[in-house]
Structures are given as C-alpha cells and as structure tokens.
Amino acid sequence: MAATAVRYLRSAGSPTALEPHPRPMLRAVREDERLPVDPAEFRRVLGHFASGVTVVTALDPDGPAGFACQSFASLSLDPPLVAFMVARTSTTWPRLARAGVFCVNVLGADQRDLCLGFARSGADKFAGVAYDAAPATGSPRLTGAPAWIDCTIAQVHTGGDHLIVVGRVEALGTPAEDDGEPLLFHRGRFGRFGG
C-alpha cells in the first residue's frame, strides 16, 4: 500500500513529506546497459502497437493529481492486479506514490481532449473536469469514462527510465450504458475502431 510507495520514494532519495515537487535528476540506465537502438526508431517501430488510453488519478493532501497513460495492462486475476508504467522523471508520480492509491480511468473515443489535458505538465489538469470519488480509495473517478479500476499500490519496480507500478484492484466498474468505443493511440495519433 502506501508504505511500498514511501519505501520507493525514500530509496530514490525523493522527499516523503509534503513539499514542492522538483523534477528529479534520475539516471535510468548505465552507459553499458544502453542498446545500440536509435530512440526515434524505437518509438517509430513500437508505435505500430495500438494501445488504449487511460488517465491515472489519485487524491493527496494537495488535491487531485493525474496523468495520461497508455502503458496500462491487466496483470493477474487471482489476486486481481493491474500495472502501469510511469516515467521516473514524472512530477505527478510522487503525489500518487504518497497517496498509496490510484484510479485508472479508461478513456472513450470521444475523450481525446481530456487525454491531452492530462498529458500536459505544469497546468491544473482538473480545471473544468467533472469527477467523483472512487468507492474504495477516494481517488478521482472521471465522469464519462467507459471503465474505471480503483486500486491500492502493491509494488513498484524499476524498469529502465520508467517505473512499473503494480496495483491491487479494490473496486472496478463501467457505467450502465457500456457500449462506447475506446480511445486508441497508434503511430503517434489517436484513433478508433473502423466499421
């Protein structure tokens, strides 16, 4: 739970008390660990893998926090676990880690602008965004999201320049009218199912 996130923050040398969140200077990999792959080519090739888009949210003493995330996956059925990846340089992650909980809001095809709002740094991402409290953790559950997964942080692992956050699912659901299309991201663009 929150203790796992606090242990991670302490091991990374990040503050665990409430104070401003400067962008940490982290080295993700040593020079001898780097593969001879051009980063632009890496992104271009992996961009062929279409993914869904989510917004991961939490509520800490400073208020609601969240970020757009396309690296989300279901991990385990028993126990119910999900995972998402976040850049080690994220300024939002320390707030989620301190909260010890999060809600994954799966976005629908008509929520492109909402996603772009949560992809920005330094802005009030919740300005004009309707949400209520997820039932188990109180994390922001975005109005209109086709699905939501309410979690406690179970584990945090280092994965190169990202962190792999494992969450234990405490509650989840979809609205009664569960017939919308998902928001997809493919080759640097948003899209939807054809048909």
C-alpha atoms as a PDB file:
ATOM      1  CA  MET A   1       0.000   0.000   0.000  1.00  0.00           C
ATOM      2  CA  ALA A   2       1.252   3.462   0.811  1.00  0.00           C
ATOM      3  CA  ALA A   3       4.220   2.007   2.700  1.00  0.00           C
ATOM      4  CA  THR A   4       5.511   0.438  -0.540  1.00  0.00           C
ATOM      5  CA  ALA A   5       5.396   3.785  -2.308  1.00  0.00           C
ATOM      6  CA  VAL A   6       7.048   5.592   0.609  1.00  0.00           C
ATOM      7  CA  ARG A   7       9.852   2.994   0.683  1.00  0.00           C
ATOM      8  CA  TYR A   8      10.367   3.573  -3.028  1.00  0.00           C
ATOM      9  CA  LEU A   9      10.445   7.365  -2.600  1.00  0.00           C
ATOM     10  CA  ARG A  10      12.996   7.091   0.212  1.00  0.00           C
ATOM     11  CA  SER A  11      15.196   4.680  -1.784  1.00  0.00           C
ATOM     12  CA  ALA A  12      15.133   7.082  -4.739  1.00  0.00           C
ATOM     13  CA  GLY A  13      16.091   9.968  -2.478  1.00  0.00           C
ATOM     14  CA  SER A  14      12.764  11.721  -3.030  1.00  0.00           C
ATOM     15  CA  PRO A  15      11.089  13.663  -0.230  1.00  0.00           C
ATOM     16  CA  THR A  16       8.280  11.844   1.536  1.00  0.00           C
ATOM     17  CA  ALA A  17       6.868  14.905   3.302  1.00  0.00           C
ATOM     18  CA  LEU A  18       4.598  17.380   1.591  1.00  0.00           C
ATOM     19  CA  GLU A  19       6.799  19.921  -0.173  1.00  0.00           C
ATOM     20  CA  PRO A  20       7.231  21.208  -3.743  1.00  0.00           C
ATOM     21  CA  HIS A  21       7.941  18.513  -6.333  1.00  0.00           C
ATOM     22  CA  PRO A  22      11.039  19.458  -8.348  1.00  0.00           C
ATOM     23  CA  ARG A  23      11.742  17.291 -11.381  1.00  0.00           C
ATOM     24  CA  PRO A  24      14.166  14.636 -10.083  1.00  0.00           C
ATOM     25  CA  MET A  25      17.502  14.126 -11.790  1.00  0.00           C
ATOM     26  CA  LEU A  26      17.488  10.351 -12.260  1.00  0.00           C
ATOM     27  CA  ARG A  27      19.741   8.181 -14.367  1.00  0.00           C
ATOM     28  CA  ALA A  28      17.690   5.302 -15.609  1.00  0.00           C
ATOM     29  CA  VAL A  29      20.429   3.114 -17.077  1.00  0.00           C
ATOM     30  CA  ARG A  30      24.203   2.979 -17.135  1.00  0.00           C
ATOM     31  CA  GLU A  31      26.017   3.668 -20.398  1.00  0.00           C
ATOM     32  CA  ASP A  32      26.992  -0.027 -20.697  1.00  0.00           C
ATOM     33  CA  GLU A  33      23.299  -1.001 -20.475  1.00  0.00           C
ATOM     34  CA  ARG A  34      22.226   1.083 -23.453  1.00  0.00           C
ATOM     35  CA  LEU A  35      21.310  -0.836 -26.584  1.00  0.00           C
ATOM     36  CA  PRO A  36      22.513   0.342 -29.977  1.00  0.00           C
ATOM     37  CA  VAL A  37      18.981   1.440 -30.902  1.00  0.00           C
ATOM     38  CA  ASP A  38      18.129   4.941 -32.024  1.00  0.00           C
ATOM     39  CA  PRO A  39      15.386   6.319 -29.710  1.00  0.00           C
ATOM     40  CA  ALA A  40      13.441   7.768 -32.651  1.00  0.00           C
ATOM     41  CA  GLU A  41      13.487   4.402 -34.426  1.00  0.00           C
ATOM     42  CA  PHE A  42      12.455   2.656 -31.203  1.00  0.00           C
ATOM     43  CA  ARG A  43       9.399   4.935 -30.912  1.00  0.00           C
ATOM     44  CA  ARG A  44       8.557   4.621 -34.604  1.00  0.00           C
ATOM     45  CA  VAL A  45       8.584   0.826 -34.598  1.00  0.00           C
ATOM     46  CA  LEU A  46       6.800   0.399 -31.263  1.00  0.00           C
ATOM     47  CA  GLY A  47       4.240   2.974 -32.366  1.00  0.00           C
ATOM     48  CA  HIS A  48       2.787   0.231 -34.568  1.00  0.00           C
ATOM     49  CA  PHE A  49       1.410  -1.377 -31.412  1.00  0.00           C
ATOM     50  CA  ALA A  50      -2.014   0.179 -30.817  1.00  0.00           C
ATOM     51  CA  SER A  51      -2.881   0.799 -27.195  1.00  0.00           C
ATOM     52  CA  GLY A  52      -5.804   2.044 -25.206  1.00  0.00           C
ATOM     53  CA  VAL A  53      -5.517   5.327 -23.336  1.00  0.00           C
ATOM     54  CA  THR A  54      -6.144   5.917 -19.645  1.00  0.00           C
ATOM     55  CA  VAL A  55      -5.856   8.658 -17.072  1.00  0.00           C
ATOM     56  CA  VAL A  56      -4.374   7.524 -13.752  1.00  0.00           C
ATOM     57  CA  THR A  57      -5.556   9.647 -10.818  1.00  0.00           C
ATOM     58  CA  ALA A  58      -5.118   9.962  -7.061  1.00  0.00           C
ATOM     59  CA  LEU A  59      -6.011  12.366  -4.300  1.00  0.00           C
ATOM     60  CA  ASP A  60      -3.273  13.605  -1.990  1.00  0.00           C
ATOM     61  CA  PRO A  61      -3.356  16.404   0.603  1.00  0.00           C
ATOM     62  CA  ASP A  62      -2.576  18.933  -2.176  1.00  0.00           C
ATOM     63  CA  GLY A  63      -5.705  17.879  -4.075  1.00  0.00           C
ATOM     64  CA  PRO A  64      -6.358  15.730  -7.147  1.00  0.00           C
ATOM     65  CA  ALA A  65      -3.438  14.571  -9.312  1.00  0.00           C
ATOM     66  CA  GLY A  66      -3.355  12.617 -12.536  1.00  0.00           C
ATOM     67  CA  PHE A  67      -1.614  11.912 -15.810  1.00  0.00           C
ATOM     68  CA  ALA A  68      -2.411  10.394 -19.202  1.00  0.00           C
ATOM     69  CA  CYS A  69      -1.089   6.848 -19.519  1.00  0.00           C
ATOM     70  CA  GLN A  70      -1.138   4.422 -22.420  1.00  0.00           C
ATOM     71  CA  SER A  71       1.132   1.837 -20.772  1.00  0.00           C
ATOM     72  CA  PHE A  72      -1.558   0.141 -18.695  1.00  0.00           C
ATOM     73  CA  ALA A  73      -2.311  -3.584 -18.542  1.00  0.00           C
ATOM     74  CA  SER A  74      -4.218  -6.190 -16.632  1.00  0.00           C
ATOM     75  CA  LEU A  75      -1.675  -8.324 -14.751  1.00  0.00           C
ATOM     76  CA  SER A  76      -3.333 -11.021 -12.624  1.00  0.00           C
ATOM     77  CA  LEU A  77      -6.792 -12.417 -11.992  1.00  0.00           C
ATOM     78  CA  ASP A  78      -6.024 -14.025  -8.622  1.00  0.00           C
ATOM     79  CA  PRO A  79      -5.186 -11.796  -6.869  1.00  0.00           C
ATOM     80  CA  PRO A  80      -6.671  -9.053  -9.041  1.00  0.00           C
ATOM     81  CA  LEU A  81      -3.706  -6.930 -10.146  1.00  0.00           C
ATOM     82  CA  VAL A  82      -3.123  -4.298 -12.811  1.00  0.00           C
ATOM     83  CA  ALA A  83       0.051  -2.457 -13.810  1.00  0.00           C
ATOM     84  CA  PHE A  84       1.008   0.830 -15.374  1.00  0.00           C
ATOM     85  CA  MET A  85       4.338   2.363 -16.281  1.00  0.00           C
ATOM     86  CA  VAL A  86       5.329   5.933 -15.465  1.00  0.00           C
ATOM     87  CA  ALA A  87       8.477   7.885 -16.328  1.00  0.00           C
ATOM     88  CA  ARG A  88      10.883   8.179 -13.413  1.00  0.00           C
ATOM     89  CA  THR A  89      11.023  11.920 -14.111  1.00  0.00           C
ATOM     90  CA  SER A  90       7.257  12.352 -13.731  1.00  0.00           C
ATOM     91  CA  THR A  91       6.308  15.170 -11.383  1.00  0.00           C
ATOM     92  CA  THR A  92       2.869  13.610 -10.824  1.00  0.00           C
ATOM     93  CA  TRP A  93       4.140  10.179  -9.756  1.00  0.00           C
ATOM     94  CA  PRO A  94       5.440  11.293  -6.319  1.00  0.00           C
ATOM     95  CA  ARG A  95       1.947  12.556  -5.490  1.00  0.00           C
ATOM     96  CA  LEU A  96       0.374   9.226  -6.467  1.00  0.00           C
ATOM     97  CA  ALA A  97       3.061   7.364  -4.544  1.00  0.00           C
ATOM     98  CA  ARG A  98       2.366   9.402  -1.416  1.00  0.00           C
ATOM     99  CA  ALA A  99      -1.360   8.740  -1.766  1.00  0.00           C
ATOM    100  CA  GLY A 100      -0.646   4.999  -1.952  1.00  0.00           C
ATOM    101  CA  VAL A 101      -3.743   4.517  -4.108  1.00  0.00           C
ATOM    102  CA  PHE A 102      -4.914   5.324  -7.632  1.00  0.00           C
ATOM    103  CA  CYS A 103      -7.809   5.012 -10.044  1.00  0.00           C
ATOM    104  CA  VAL A 104      -7.299   4.057 -13.685  1.00  0.00           C
ATOM    105  CA  ASN A 105      -9.885   5.810 -15.858  1.00  0.00           C
ATOM    106  CA  VAL A 106     -10.200   4.091 -19.249  1.00  0.00           C
ATOM    107  CA  LEU A 107     -10.961   6.752 -21.868  1.00  0.00           C
ATOM    108  CA  GLY A 108     -13.567   6.572 -24.603  1.00  0.00           C
ATOM    109  CA  ALA A 109     -13.211   7.586 -28.249  1.00  0.00           C
ATOM    110  CA  ASP A 110     -14.777  10.998 -27.562  1.00  0.00           C
ATOM    111  CA  GLN A 111     -12.326  11.884 -24.744  1.00  0.00           C
ATOM    112  CA  ARG A 112      -9.290  12.895 -26.811  1.00  0.00           C
ATOM    113  CA  ASP A 113      -9.265  16.446 -25.402  1.00  0.00           C
ATOM    114  CA  LEU A 114      -9.483  15.116 -21.844  1.00  0.00           C
ATOM    115  CA  CYS A 115      -6.443  12.928 -22.549  1.00  0.00           C
ATOM    116  CA  LEU A 116      -4.486  15.865 -23.972  1.00  0.00           C
ATOM    117  CA  GLY A 117      -5.291  17.917 -20.877  1.00  0.00           C
ATOM    118  CA  PHE A 118      -3.841  15.242 -18.615  1.00  0.00           C
ATOM    119  CA  ALA A 119      -0.780  14.854 -20.865  1.00  0.00           C
ATOM    120  CA  ARG A 120       0.335  18.452 -20.169  1.00  0.00           C
ATOM    121  CA  SER A 121       2.836  19.288 -17.446  1.00  0.00           C
ATOM    122  CA  GLY A 122       2.504  22.201 -15.088  1.00  0.00           C
ATOM    123  CA  ALA A 123      -1.163  23.001 -15.721  1.00  0.00           C
ATOM    124  CA  ASP A 124      -4.204  22.471 -13.498  1.00  0.00           C
ATOM    125  CA  LYS A 125      -5.251  19.237 -15.142  1.00  0.00           C
ATOM    126  CA  PHE A 126      -8.543  19.088 -13.247  1.00  0.00           C
ATOM    127  CA  ALA A 127      -9.779  22.553 -14.250  1.00  0.00           C
ATOM    128  CA  GLY A 128     -13.290  22.035 -15.620  1.00  0.00           C
ATOM    129  CA  VAL A 129     -13.058  18.238 -15.300  1.00  0.00           C
ATOM    130  CA  ALA A 130     -16.005  16.532 -13.613  1.00  0.00           C
ATOM    131  CA  TYR A 131     -15.231  13.640 -11.284  1.00  0.00           C
ATOM    132  CA  ASP A 132     -16.412  11.908  -8.147  1.00  0.00           C
ATOM    133  CA  ALA A 133     -14.658   9.730  -5.572  1.00  0.00           C
ATOM    134  CA  ALA A 134     -13.903   6.116  -6.467  1.00  0.00           C
ATOM    135  CA  PRO A 135     -15.600   3.916  -3.842  1.00  0.00           C
ATOM    136  CA  ALA A 136     -12.623   2.138  -2.273  1.00  0.00           C
ATOM    137  CA  THR A 137      -9.831   4.737  -2.308  1.00  0.00           C
ATOM    138  CA  GLY A 138     -11.495   8.097  -2.911  1.00  0.00           C
ATOM    139  CA  SER A 139      -9.290   8.678  -5.963  1.00  0.00           C
ATOM    140  CA  PRO A 140     -10.848  10.838  -8.701  1.00  0.00           C
ATOM    141  CA  ARG A 141     -13.146   8.818 -10.956  1.00  0.00           C
ATOM    142  CA  LEU A 142     -13.600  10.845 -14.145  1.00  0.00           C
ATOM    143  CA  THR A 143     -17.163  11.424 -15.289  1.00  0.00           C
ATOM    144  CA  GLY A 144     -17.872   9.759 -18.618  1.00  0.00           C
ATOM    145  CA  ALA A 145     -15.002   7.265 -18.534  1.00  0.00           C
ATOM    146  CA  PRO A 146     -16.235   3.961 -20.012  1.00  0.00           C
ATOM    147  CA  ALA A 147     -14.482   1.976 -17.244  1.00  0.00           C
ATOM    148  CA  TRP A 148     -12.606   2.606 -14.004  1.00  0.00           C
ATOM    149  CA  ILE A 149     -10.330   0.480 -11.812  1.00  0.00           C
ATOM    150  CA  ASP A 150      -9.791   1.586  -8.189  1.00  0.00           C
ATOM    151  CA  CYS A 151      -6.510   0.305  -6.701  1.00  0.00           C
ATOM    152  CA  THR A 152      -4.017   0.365  -3.862  1.00  0.00           C
ATOM    153  CA  ILE A 153      -0.308   0.369  -4.731  1.00  0.00           C
ATOM    154  CA  ALA A 154       1.042  -3.144  -4.158  1.00  0.00           C
ATOM    155  CA  GLN A 155       4.554  -2.945  -5.641  1.00  0.00           C
ATOM    156  CA  VAL A 156       6.842  -0.579  -7.523  1.00  0.00           C
ATOM    157  CA  HIS A 157       9.657  -1.896  -9.733  1.00  0.00           C
ATOM    158  CA  THR A 158      12.356  -0.085 -11.690  1.00  0.00           C
ATOM    159  CA  GLY A 159      12.262  -0.652 -15.434  1.00  0.00           C
ATOM    160  CA  GLY A 160      14.930   1.444 -17.161  1.00  0.00           C
ATOM    161  CA  ASP A 161      13.777   5.048 -17.365  1.00  0.00           C
ATOM    162  CA  HIS A 162      10.298   4.090 -16.115  1.00  0.00           C
ATOM    163  CA  LEU A 163       8.740   2.613 -13.000  1.00  0.00           C
ATOM    164  CA  ILE A 164       6.403  -0.366 -13.141  1.00  0.00           C
ATOM    165  CA  VAL A 165       3.589   0.223 -10.667  1.00  0.00           C
ATOM    166  CA  VAL A 166       1.513  -2.794  -9.646  1.00  0.00           C
ATOM    167  CA  GLY A 167      -1.884  -2.102  -8.140  1.00  0.00           C
ATOM    168  CA  ARG A 168      -4.243  -4.388  -6.282  1.00  0.00           C
ATOM    169  CA  VAL A 169      -7.780  -3.889  -7.564  1.00  0.00           C
ATOM    170  CA  GLU A 170     -10.159  -2.911  -4.762  1.00  0.00           C
ATOM    171  CA  ALA A 171     -13.171  -1.961  -6.914  1.00  0.00           C
ATOM    172  CA  LEU A 172     -13.977  -1.520 -10.593  1.00  0.00           C
ATOM    173  CA  GLY A 173     -16.886  -0.847 -12.870  1.00  0.00           C
ATOM    174  CA  THR A 174     -18.444   0.523 -16.012  1.00  0.00           C
ATOM    175  CA  PRO A 175     -21.470   2.781 -16.462  1.00  0.00           C
ATOM    176  CA  ALA A 176     -24.811   1.143 -17.234  1.00  0.00           C
ATOM    177  CA  GLU A 177     -24.604   2.212 -20.893  1.00  0.00           C
ATOM    178  CA  ASP A 178     -21.429   0.228 -21.664  1.00  0.00           C
ATOM    179  CA  ASP A 179     -21.472   0.450 -25.470  1.00  0.00           C
ATOM    180  CA  GLY A 180     -18.944   3.186 -26.362  1.00  0.00           C
ATOM    181  CA  GLU A 181     -15.749   2.766 -28.342  1.00  0.00           C
ATOM    182  CA  PRO A 182     -12.319   3.084 -26.681  1.00  0.00           C
ATOM    183  CA  LEU A 183      -9.820   5.861 -27.339  1.00  0.00           C
ATOM    184  CA  LEU A 184      -6.861   4.275 -29.131  1.00  0.00           C
ATOM    185  CA  PHE A 185      -3.329   5.512 -29.764  1.00  0.00           C
ATOM    186  CA  HIS A 186      -1.426   4.242 -32.813  1.00  0.00           C
ATOM    187  CA  ARG A 187       1.641   5.587 -34.633  1.00  0.00           C
ATOM    188  CA  GLY A 188       1.560   8.886 -32.778  1.00  0.00           C
ATOM    189  CA  ARG A 189      -2.143   9.569 -33.405  1.00  0.00           C
ATOM    190  CA  PHE A 190      -5.463   8.998 -31.713  1.00  0.00           C
ATOM    191  CA  GLY A 191      -7.882   6.686 -33.442  1.00  0.00           C
ATOM    192  CA  ARG A 192     -10.870   4.432 -33.104  1.00  0.00           C
ATOM    193  CA  PHE A 193     -12.181   1.149 -34.447  1.00  0.00           C
ATOM    194  CA  GLY A 194     -13.310   1.295 -38.090  1.00  0.00           C
ATOM    195  CA  GLY A 195     -16.577  -0.200 -39.065  1.00  0.00           C
END
